[in-house]
PDB file of all heavy atoms in Angstrom:
ATOM      1  N   TYR A   1     216.853 216.251 144.661  1.00  0.00           N
ATOM      2  CA  TYR A   1     217.226 216.684 143.316  1.00  0.00           C
ATOM      3  C   TYR A   1     218.028 215.591 142.603  1.00  0.00           C
ATOM      4  O   TYR A   1     217.832 215.330 141.412  1.00  0.00           O
ATOM      5  CB  TYR A   1     218.063 217.964 143.366  1.00  0.00           C
ATOM      6  CG  TYR A   1     217.320 219.188 143.881  1.00  0.00           C
ATOM      7  CD1 TYR A   1     218.015 220.305 144.346  1.00  0.00           C
ATOM      8  CD2 TYR A   1     215.930 219.229 143.916  1.00  0.00           C
ATOM      9  CE1 TYR A   1     217.346 221.423 144.834  1.00  0.00           C
ATOM     10  CE2 TYR A   1     215.260 220.338 144.399  1.00  0.00           C
ATOM     11  CZ  TYR A   1     215.971 221.440 144.852  1.00  0.00           C
ATOM     12  OH  TYR A   1     215.309 222.531 145.326  1.00  0.00           O
ATOM     13  N   GLY A   2     218.950 214.957 143.342  1.00  0.00           N
ATOM     14  CA  GLY A   2     219.726 213.875 142.750  1.00  0.00           C
ATOM     15  C   GLY A   2     218.838 212.726 142.314  1.00  0.00           C
ATOM     16  O   GLY A   2     218.977 212.192 141.206  1.00  0.00           O
ATOM     17  N   ALA A   3     217.890 212.339 143.176  1.00  0.00           N
ATOM     18  CA  ALA A   3     216.996 211.228 142.847  1.00  0.00           C
ATOM     19  C   ALA A   3     216.109 211.559 141.650  1.00  0.00           C
ATOM     20  O   ALA A   3     215.834 210.687 140.812  1.00  0.00           O
ATOM     21  CB  ALA A   3     216.134 210.894 144.063  1.00  0.00           C
ATOM     22  N   ILE A   4     215.672 212.802 141.547  1.00  0.00           N
ATOM     23  CA  ILE A   4     214.777 213.210 140.460  1.00  0.00           C
ATOM     24  C   ILE A   4     215.517 213.203 139.120  1.00  0.00           C
ATOM     25  O   ILE A   4     215.095 212.559 138.151  1.00  0.00           O
ATOM     26  CB  ILE A   4     214.183 214.603 140.735  1.00  0.00           C
ATOM     27  CG1 ILE A   4     213.198 214.530 141.905  1.00  0.00           C
ATOM     28  CG2 ILE A   4     213.493 215.161 139.484  1.00  0.00           C
ATOM     29  CD1 ILE A   4     212.794 215.882 142.460  1.00  0.00           C
ATOM     30  N   PHE A   5     216.638 213.919 139.050  1.00  0.00           N
ATOM     31  CA  PHE A   5     217.304 214.102 137.760  1.00  0.00           C
ATOM     32  C   PHE A   5     218.077 212.855 137.321  1.00  0.00           C
ATOM     33  O   PHE A   5     218.042 212.477 136.143  1.00  0.00           O
ATOM     34  CB  PHE A   5     218.224 215.323 137.809  1.00  0.00           C
ATOM     35  CG  PHE A   5     217.472 216.620 137.889  1.00  0.00           C
ATOM     36  CD1 PHE A   5     217.384 217.336 139.068  1.00  0.00           C
ATOM     37  CD2 PHE A   5     216.811 217.116 136.776  1.00  0.00           C
ATOM     38  CE1 PHE A   5     216.672 218.519 139.148  1.00  0.00           C
ATOM     39  CE2 PHE A   5     216.090 218.307 136.834  1.00  0.00           C
ATOM     40  CZ  PHE A   5     216.018 219.008 138.026  1.00  0.00           C
ATOM     41  N   ILE A   6     218.769 212.214 138.248  1.00  0.00           N
ATOM     42  CA  ILE A   6     219.479 210.978 137.882  1.00  0.00           C
ATOM     43  C   ILE A   6     218.464 209.909 137.518  1.00  0.00           C
ATOM     44  O   ILE A   6     218.615 209.193 136.520  1.00  0.00           O
ATOM     45  CB  ILE A   6     220.388 210.503 139.029  1.00  0.00           C
ATOM     46  CG1 ILE A   6     221.435 211.552 139.359  1.00  0.00           C
ATOM     47  CG2 ILE A   6     221.093 209.191 138.645  1.00  0.00           C
ATOM     48  CD1 ILE A   6     222.175 211.299 140.668  1.00  0.00           C
ATOM     49  N   GLY A   7     217.423 209.794 138.351  1.00  0.00           N
ATOM     50  CA  GLY A   7     216.402 208.778 138.096  1.00  0.00           C
ATOM     51  C   GLY A   7     215.747 208.932 136.733  1.00  0.00           C
ATOM     52  O   GLY A   7     215.550 207.949 136.011  1.00  0.00           O
ATOM     53  N   PHE A   8     215.427 210.166 136.347  1.00  0.00           N
ATOM     54  CA  PHE A   8     214.722 210.401 135.084  1.00  0.00           C
ATOM     55  C   PHE A   8     215.631 210.188 133.879  1.00  0.00           C
ATOM     56  O   PHE A   8     215.312 209.429 132.962  1.00  0.00           O
ATOM     57  CB  PHE A   8     214.146 211.819 135.075  1.00  0.00           C
ATOM     58  CG  PHE A   8     213.270 212.102 133.878  1.00  0.00           C
ATOM     59  CD1 PHE A   8     211.906 211.821 133.936  1.00  0.00           C
ATOM     60  CD2 PHE A   8     213.796 212.625 132.713  1.00  0.00           C
ATOM     61  CE1 PHE A   8     211.094 212.069 132.836  1.00  0.00           C
ATOM     62  CE2 PHE A   8     212.987 212.872 131.608  1.00  0.00           C
ATOM     63  CZ  PHE A   8     211.633 212.588 131.676  1.00  0.00           C
ATOM     64  N   PHE A   9     216.801 210.844 133.897  1.00  0.00           N
ATOM     65  CA  PHE A   9     217.650 210.824 132.696  1.00  0.00           C
ATOM     66  C   PHE A   9     218.441 209.523 132.556  1.00  0.00           C
ATOM     67  O   PHE A   9     218.725 209.094 131.430  1.00  0.00           O
ATOM     68  CB  PHE A   9     218.574 212.041 132.701  1.00  0.00           C
ATOM     69  CG  PHE A   9     217.850 213.332 132.454  1.00  0.00           C
ATOM     70  CD1 PHE A   9     217.550 214.196 133.493  1.00  0.00           C
ATOM     71  CD2 PHE A   9     217.418 213.669 131.174  1.00  0.00           C
ATOM     72  CE1 PHE A   9     216.855 215.373 133.278  1.00  0.00           C
ATOM     73  CE2 PHE A   9     216.723 214.850 130.939  1.00  0.00           C
ATOM     74  CZ  PHE A   9     216.444 215.709 131.999  1.00  0.00           C
ATOM     75  N   ALA A  10     218.786 208.884 133.648  1.00  0.00           N
ATOM     76  CA  ALA A  10     219.453 207.578 133.546  1.00  0.00           C
ATOM     77  C   ALA A  10     218.473 206.543 132.989  1.00  0.00           C
ATOM     78  O   ALA A  10     218.869 205.652 132.229  1.00  0.00           O
ATOM     79  CB  ALA A  10     219.979 207.134 134.907  1.00  0.00           C
ATOM     80  N   ALA A  11     217.195 206.660 133.363  1.00  0.00           N
ATOM     81  CA  ALA A  11     216.184 205.760 132.805  1.00  0.00           C
ATOM     82  C   ALA A  11     215.963 206.042 131.323  1.00  0.00           C
ATOM     83  O   ALA A  11     215.840 205.120 130.506  1.00  0.00           O
ATOM     84  CB  ALA A  11     214.873 205.906 133.574  1.00  0.00           C
ATOM     85  N   LEU A  12     215.925 207.314 130.951  1.00  0.00           N
ATOM     86  CA  LEU A  12     215.663 207.704 129.570  1.00  0.00           C
ATOM     87  C   LEU A  12     216.797 207.302 128.632  1.00  0.00           C
ATOM     88  O   LEU A  12     216.564 206.780 127.533  1.00  0.00           O
ATOM     89  CB  LEU A  12     215.428 209.217 129.499  1.00  0.00           C
ATOM     90  CG  LEU A  12     215.142 209.803 128.114  1.00  0.00           C
ATOM     91  CD1 LEU A  12     213.865 209.211 127.530  1.00  0.00           C
ATOM     92  CD2 LEU A  12     215.023 211.326 128.204  1.00  0.00           C
ATOM     93  N   PHE A  13     218.042 207.524 129.054  1.00  0.00           N
ATOM     94  CA  PHE A  13     219.189 207.296 128.167  1.00  0.00           C
ATOM     95  C   PHE A  13     219.988 206.028 128.500  1.00  0.00           C
ATOM     96  O   PHE A  13     220.896 205.675 127.756  1.00  0.00           O
ATOM     97  CB  PHE A  13     220.138 208.504 128.228  1.00  0.00           C
ATOM     98  CG  PHE A  13     219.523 209.777 127.715  1.00  0.00           C
ATOM     99  CD1 PHE A  13     219.182 210.806 128.591  1.00  0.00           C
ATOM    100  CD2 PHE A  13     219.279 209.958 126.368  1.00  0.00           C
ATOM    101  CE1 PHE A  13     218.623 211.984 128.133  1.00  0.00           C
ATOM    102  CE2 PHE A  13     218.716 211.133 125.888  1.00  0.00           C
ATOM    103  CZ  PHE A  13     218.383 212.145 126.772  1.00  0.00           C
ATOM    104  N   GLY A  14     219.682 205.377 129.630  1.00  0.00           N
ATOM    105  CA  GLY A  14     220.488 204.244 130.088  1.00  0.00           C
ATOM    106  C   GLY A  14     220.263 202.969 129.299  1.00  0.00           C
ATOM    107  O   GLY A  14     219.416 202.893 128.405  1.00  0.00           O
ATOM    108  N   GLY A  15     221.027 201.934 129.673  1.00  0.00           N
ATOM    109  CA  GLY A  15     220.990 200.672 128.945  1.00  0.00           C
ATOM    110  C   GLY A  15     220.345 199.542 129.704  1.00  0.00           C
ATOM    111  O   GLY A  15     220.448 198.380 129.293  1.00  0.00           O
ATOM    112  N   THR A  16     219.669 199.845 130.824  1.00  0.00           N
ATOM    113  CA  THR A  16     218.957 198.823 131.590  1.00  0.00           C
ATOM    114  C   THR A  16     217.520 199.293 131.756  1.00  0.00           C
ATOM    115  O   THR A  16     217.266 200.259 132.485  1.00  0.00           O
ATOM    116  CB  THR A  16     219.602 198.599 132.976  1.00  0.00           C
ATOM    117  OG1 THR A  16     221.006 198.420 132.817  1.00  0.00           O
ATOM    118  CG2 THR A  16     219.010 197.371 133.651  1.00  0.00           C
ATOM    119  N   SER A  17     216.595 198.629 131.100  1.00  0.00           N
ATOM    120  CA  SER A  17     215.229 199.156 130.995  1.00  0.00           C
ATOM    121  C   SER A  17     214.497 199.253 132.323  1.00  0.00           C
ATOM    122  O   SER A  17     213.607 200.083 132.480  1.00  0.00           O
ATOM    123  CB  SER A  17     214.413 198.292 130.024  1.00  0.00           C
ATOM    124  OG  SER A  17     214.395 196.944 130.445  1.00  0.00           O
ATOM    125  N   THR A  18     214.866 198.422 133.302  1.00  0.00           N
ATOM    126  CA  THR A  18     214.125 198.415 134.575  1.00  0.00           C
ATOM    127  C   THR A  18     214.887 199.078 135.723  1.00  0.00           C
ATOM    128  O   THR A  18     214.433 199.043 136.864  1.00  0.00           O
ATOM    129  CB  THR A  18     213.792 196.970 134.985  1.00  0.00           C
ATOM    130  OG1 THR A  18     215.009 196.205 135.019  1.00  0.00           O
ATOM    131  CG2 THR A  18     212.838 196.329 133.997  1.00  0.00           C
ATOM    132  N   GLN A  19     216.024 199.672 135.419  1.00  0.00           N
ATOM    133  CA  GLN A  19     216.875 200.223 136.484  1.00  0.00           C
ATOM    134  C   GLN A  19     216.281 201.500 137.082  1.00  0.00           C
ATOM    135  O   GLN A  19     215.835 202.391 136.373  1.00  0.00           O
ATOM    136  CB  GLN A  19     218.265 200.530 135.922  1.00  0.00           C
ATOM    137  CG  GLN A  19     219.244 201.094 136.932  1.00  0.00           C
ATOM    138  CD  GLN A  19     220.460 200.206 137.086  1.00  0.00           C
ATOM    139  OE1 GLN A  19     220.364 199.130 137.656  1.00  0.00           O
ATOM    140  NE2 GLN A  19     221.583 200.641 136.592  1.00  0.00           N
ATOM    141  N   ILE A  20     216.299 201.579 138.406  1.00  0.00           N
ATOM    142  CA  ILE A  20     215.926 202.801 139.122  1.00  0.00           C
ATOM    143  C   ILE A  20     217.212 203.382 139.712  1.00  0.00           C
ATOM    144  O   ILE A  20     217.917 202.708 140.452  1.00  0.00           O
ATOM    145  CB  ILE A  20     214.922 202.514 140.264  1.00  0.00           C
ATOM    146  CG1 ILE A  20     213.672 201.810 139.730  1.00  0.00           C
ATOM    147  CG2 ILE A  20     214.551 203.805 140.981  1.00  0.00           C
ATOM    148  CD1 ILE A  20     212.832 202.630 138.787  1.00  0.00           C
ATOM    149  N   SER A  21     217.498 204.616 139.372  1.00  0.00           N
ATOM    150  CA  SER A  21     218.756 205.241 139.795  1.00  0.00           C
ATOM    151  C   SER A  21     218.498 206.394 140.748  1.00  0.00           C
ATOM    152  O   SER A  21     217.414 206.985 140.757  1.00  0.00           O
ATOM    153  CB  SER A  21     219.533 205.740 138.564  1.00  0.00           C
ATOM    154  OG  SER A  21     219.810 204.678 137.676  1.00  0.00           O
ATOM    155  N   GLY A  22     219.503 206.714 141.530  1.00  0.00           N
ATOM    156  CA  GLY A  22     219.420 207.814 142.478  1.00  0.00           C
ATOM    157  C   GLY A  22     220.589 207.741 143.444  1.00  0.00           C
ATOM    158  O   GLY A  22     221.477 206.888 143.292  1.00  0.00           O
ATOM    159  N   PRO A  23     220.620 208.608 144.429  1.00  0.00           N
ATOM    160  CA  PRO A  23     221.707 208.570 145.421  1.00  0.00           C
ATOM    161  C   PRO A  23     221.778 207.210 146.103  1.00  0.00           C
ATOM    162  O   PRO A  23     220.754 206.626 146.444  1.00  0.00           O
ATOM    163  CB  PRO A  23     221.299 209.668 146.419  1.00  0.00           C
ATOM    164  CG  PRO A  23     220.447 210.605 145.620  1.00  0.00           C
ATOM    165  CD  PRO A  23     219.699 209.736 144.654  1.00  0.00           C
ATOM    166  N   THR A  24     222.983 206.699 146.266  1.00  0.00           N
ATOM    167  CA  THR A  24     223.203 205.418 146.933  1.00  0.00           C
ATOM    168  C   THR A  24     224.214 205.607 148.056  1.00  0.00           C
ATOM    169  O   THR A  24     224.915 206.625 148.115  1.00  0.00           O
ATOM    170  CB  THR A  24     223.730 204.352 145.955  1.00  0.00           C
ATOM    171  OG1 THR A  24     225.011 204.771 145.457  1.00  0.00           O
ATOM    172  CG2 THR A  24     222.772 204.146 144.792  1.00  0.00           C
ATOM    173  N   ALA A  25     224.312 204.604 148.930  1.00  0.00           N
ATOM    174  CA  ALA A  25     225.216 204.706 150.074  1.00  0.00           C
ATOM    175  C   ALA A  25     226.680 204.906 149.653  1.00  0.00           C
ATOM    176  O   ALA A  25     227.354 205.807 150.163  1.00  0.00           O
ATOM    177  CB  ALA A  25     225.067 203.469 150.960  1.00  0.00           C
ATOM    178  N   PRO A  26     227.217 204.091 148.734  1.00  0.00           N
ATOM    179  CA  PRO A  26     228.624 204.295 148.337  1.00  0.00           C
ATOM    180  C   PRO A  26     228.873 205.663 147.716  1.00  0.00           C
ATOM    181  O   PRO A  26     229.867 206.325 148.031  1.00  0.00           O
ATOM    182  CB  PRO A  26     228.870 203.166 147.322  1.00  0.00           C
ATOM    183  CG  PRO A  26     227.849 202.133 147.633  1.00  0.00           C
ATOM    184  CD  PRO A  26     226.656 202.888 148.096  1.00  0.00           C
ATOM    185  N   MET A  27     227.984 206.099 146.826  1.00  0.00           N
ATOM    186  CA  MET A  27     228.173 207.393 146.169  1.00  0.00           C
ATOM    187  C   MET A  27     228.078 208.538 147.178  1.00  0.00           C
ATOM    188  O   MET A  27     228.832 209.520 147.089  1.00  0.00           O
ATOM    189  CB  MET A  27     227.124 207.572 145.068  1.00  0.00           C
ATOM    190  CG  MET A  27     227.279 206.621 143.902  1.00  0.00           C
ATOM    191  SD  MET A  27     228.800 206.899 142.952  1.00  0.00           S
ATOM    192  CE  MET A  27     228.322 208.307 141.951  1.00  0.00           C
ATOM    193  N   THR A  28     227.172 208.422 148.135  1.00  0.00           N
ATOM    194  CA  THR A  28     227.038 209.470 149.140  1.00  0.00           C
ATOM    195  C   THR A  28     228.271 209.528 150.034  1.00  0.00           C
ATOM    196  O   THR A  28     228.726 210.619 150.407  1.00  0.00           O
ATOM    197  CB  THR A  28     225.778 209.235 149.994  1.00  0.00           C
ATOM    198  OG1 THR A  28     224.634 209.178 149.145  1.00  0.00           O
ATOM    199  CG2 THR A  28     225.591 210.349 151.009  1.00  0.00           C
ATOM    200  N   ALA A  29     228.822 208.364 150.375  1.00  0.00           N
ATOM    201  CA  ALA A  29     230.016 208.332 151.234  1.00  0.00           C
ATOM    202  C   ALA A  29     231.197 209.025 150.575  1.00  0.00           C
ATOM    203  O   ALA A  29     231.928 209.793 151.216  1.00  0.00           O
ATOM    204  CB  ALA A  29     230.370 206.883 151.577  1.00  0.00           C
ATOM    205  N   VAL A  30     231.402 208.780 149.282  1.00  0.00           N
ATOM    206  CA  VAL A  30     232.511 209.430 148.569  1.00  0.00           C
ATOM    207  C   VAL A  30     232.195 210.909 148.351  1.00  0.00           C
ATOM    208  O   VAL A  30     233.086 211.767 148.441  1.00  0.00           O
ATOM    209  CB  VAL A  30     232.784 208.722 147.227  1.00  0.00           C
ATOM    210  CG1 VAL A  30     233.894 209.439 146.465  1.00  0.00           C
ATOM    211  CG2 VAL A  30     233.182 207.273 147.460  1.00  0.00           C
ATOM    212  N   SER A  31     230.933 211.228 148.072  1.00  0.00           N
ATOM    213  CA  SER A  31     230.537 212.636 147.910  1.00  0.00           C
ATOM    214  C   SER A  31     230.811 213.422 149.183  1.00  0.00           C
ATOM    215  O   SER A  31     231.211 214.593 149.134  1.00  0.00           O
ATOM    216  CB  SER A  31     229.047 212.729 147.557  1.00  0.00           C
ATOM    217  OG  SER A  31     228.766 212.069 146.355  1.00  0.00           O
ATOM    218  N   LEU A  32     230.587 212.778 150.311  1.00  0.00           N
ATOM    219  CA  LEU A  32     230.832 213.424 151.603  1.00  0.00           C
ATOM    220  C   LEU A  32     232.290 213.843 151.743  1.00  0.00           C
ATOM    221  O   LEU A  32     232.593 214.906 152.305  1.00  0.00           O
ATOM    222  CB  LEU A  32     230.445 212.466 152.726  1.00  0.00           C
ATOM    223  CG  LEU A  32     230.610 212.958 154.169  1.00  0.00           C
ATOM    224  CD1 LEU A  32     229.781 214.200 154.401  1.00  0.00           C
ATOM    225  CD2 LEU A  32     230.209 211.859 155.142  1.00  0.00           C
ATOM    226  N   VAL A  33     233.201 213.026 151.215  1.00  0.00           N
ATOM    227  CA  VAL A  33     234.630 213.365 151.241  1.00  0.00           C
ATOM    228  C   VAL A  33     234.879 214.647 150.453  1.00  0.00           C
ATOM    229  O   VAL A  33     235.601 215.550 150.896  1.00  0.00           O
ATOM    230  CB  VAL A  33     235.469 212.211 150.657  1.00  0.00           C
ATOM    231  CG1 VAL A  33     236.939 212.605 150.573  1.00  0.00           C
ATOM    232  CG2 VAL A  33     235.316 210.953 151.501  1.00  0.00           C
ATOM    233  N   VAL A  34     234.268 214.737 149.280  1.00  0.00           N
ATOM    234  CA  VAL A  34     234.410 215.938 148.438  1.00  0.00           C
ATOM    235  C   VAL A  34     233.835 217.151 149.145  1.00  0.00           C
ATOM    236  O   VAL A  34     234.486 218.204 149.249  1.00  0.00           O
ATOM    237  CB  VAL A  34     233.684 215.737 147.085  1.00  0.00           C
ATOM    238  CG1 VAL A  34     233.799 216.991 146.227  1.00  0.00           C
ATOM    239  CG2 VAL A  34     234.240 214.529 146.351  1.00  0.00           C
ATOM    240  N   ILE A  35     232.613 217.011 149.640  1.00  0.00           N
ATOM    241  CA  ILE A  35     231.912 218.144 150.250  1.00  0.00           C
ATOM    242  C   ILE A  35     232.668 218.659 151.467  1.00  0.00           C
ATOM    243  O   ILE A  35     232.893 219.870 151.602  1.00  0.00           O
ATOM    244  CB  ILE A  35     230.476 217.725 150.630  1.00  0.00           C
ATOM    245  CG1 ILE A  35     229.673 217.415 149.364  1.00  0.00           C
ATOM    246  CG2 ILE A  35     229.786 218.813 151.442  1.00  0.00           C
ATOM    247  CD1 ILE A  35     228.391 216.648 149.612  1.00  0.00           C
ATOM    248  N   ALA A  36     233.085 217.746 152.345  1.00  0.00           N
ATOM    249  CA  ALA A  36     233.801 218.159 153.556  1.00  0.00           C
ATOM    250  C   ALA A  36     235.125 218.828 153.209  1.00  0.00           C
ATOM    251  O   ALA A  36     235.505 219.845 153.811  1.00  0.00           O
ATOM    252  CB  ALA A  36     234.044 216.949 154.455  1.00  0.00           C
ATOM    253  N   GLY A  37     235.841 218.274 152.222  1.00  0.00           N
ATOM    254  CA  GLY A  37     237.134 218.844 151.835  1.00  0.00           C
ATOM    255  C   GLY A  37     237.022 220.233 151.249  1.00  0.00           C
ATOM    256  O   GLY A  37     237.794 221.133 151.595  1.00  0.00           O
ATOM    257  N   VAL A  38     236.045 220.431 150.364  1.00  0.00           N
ATOM    258  CA  VAL A  38     235.882 221.743 149.718  1.00  0.00           C
ATOM    259  C   VAL A  38     235.385 222.781 150.722  1.00  0.00           C
ATOM    260  O   VAL A  38     235.842 223.930 150.722  1.00  0.00           O
ATOM    261  CB  VAL A  38     234.914 221.639 148.518  1.00  0.00           C
ATOM    262  CG1 VAL A  38     234.709 223.018 147.885  1.00  0.00           C
ATOM    263  CG2 VAL A  38     235.445 220.663 147.483  1.00  0.00           C
ATOM    264  N   ILE A  39     234.460 222.382 151.607  1.00  0.00           N
ATOM    265  CA  ILE A  39     233.966 223.320 152.619  1.00  0.00           C
ATOM    266  C   ILE A  39     235.102 223.760 153.537  1.00  0.00           C
ATOM    267  O   ILE A  39     235.214 224.943 153.903  1.00  0.00           O
ATOM    268  CB  ILE A  39     232.824 222.684 153.442  1.00  0.00           C
ATOM    269  CG1 ILE A  39     231.571 222.540 152.579  1.00  0.00           C
ATOM    270  CG2 ILE A  39     232.508 223.520 154.679  1.00  0.00           C
ATOM    271  CD1 ILE A  39     230.417 221.845 153.267  1.00  0.00           C
ATOM    272  N   ALA A  40     235.981 222.811 153.903  1.00  0.00           N
ATOM    273  CA  ALA A  40     237.104 223.130 154.796  1.00  0.00           C
ATOM    274  C   ALA A  40     238.047 224.159 154.177  1.00  0.00           C
ATOM    275  O   ALA A  40     238.641 224.972 154.892  1.00  0.00           O
ATOM    276  CB  ALA A  40     237.874 221.859 155.141  1.00  0.00           C
TER     277      ALA A  40
END
């Protein structure tokens, strides 16, 4: 879902015409901190 929606709308509204967006390692690592903390 992240790859689909970020990829589509970041391409549509973004400022880099060739950029492909989606979940990345750094963003997932920080997201994991949020997810683990809230679940706990």
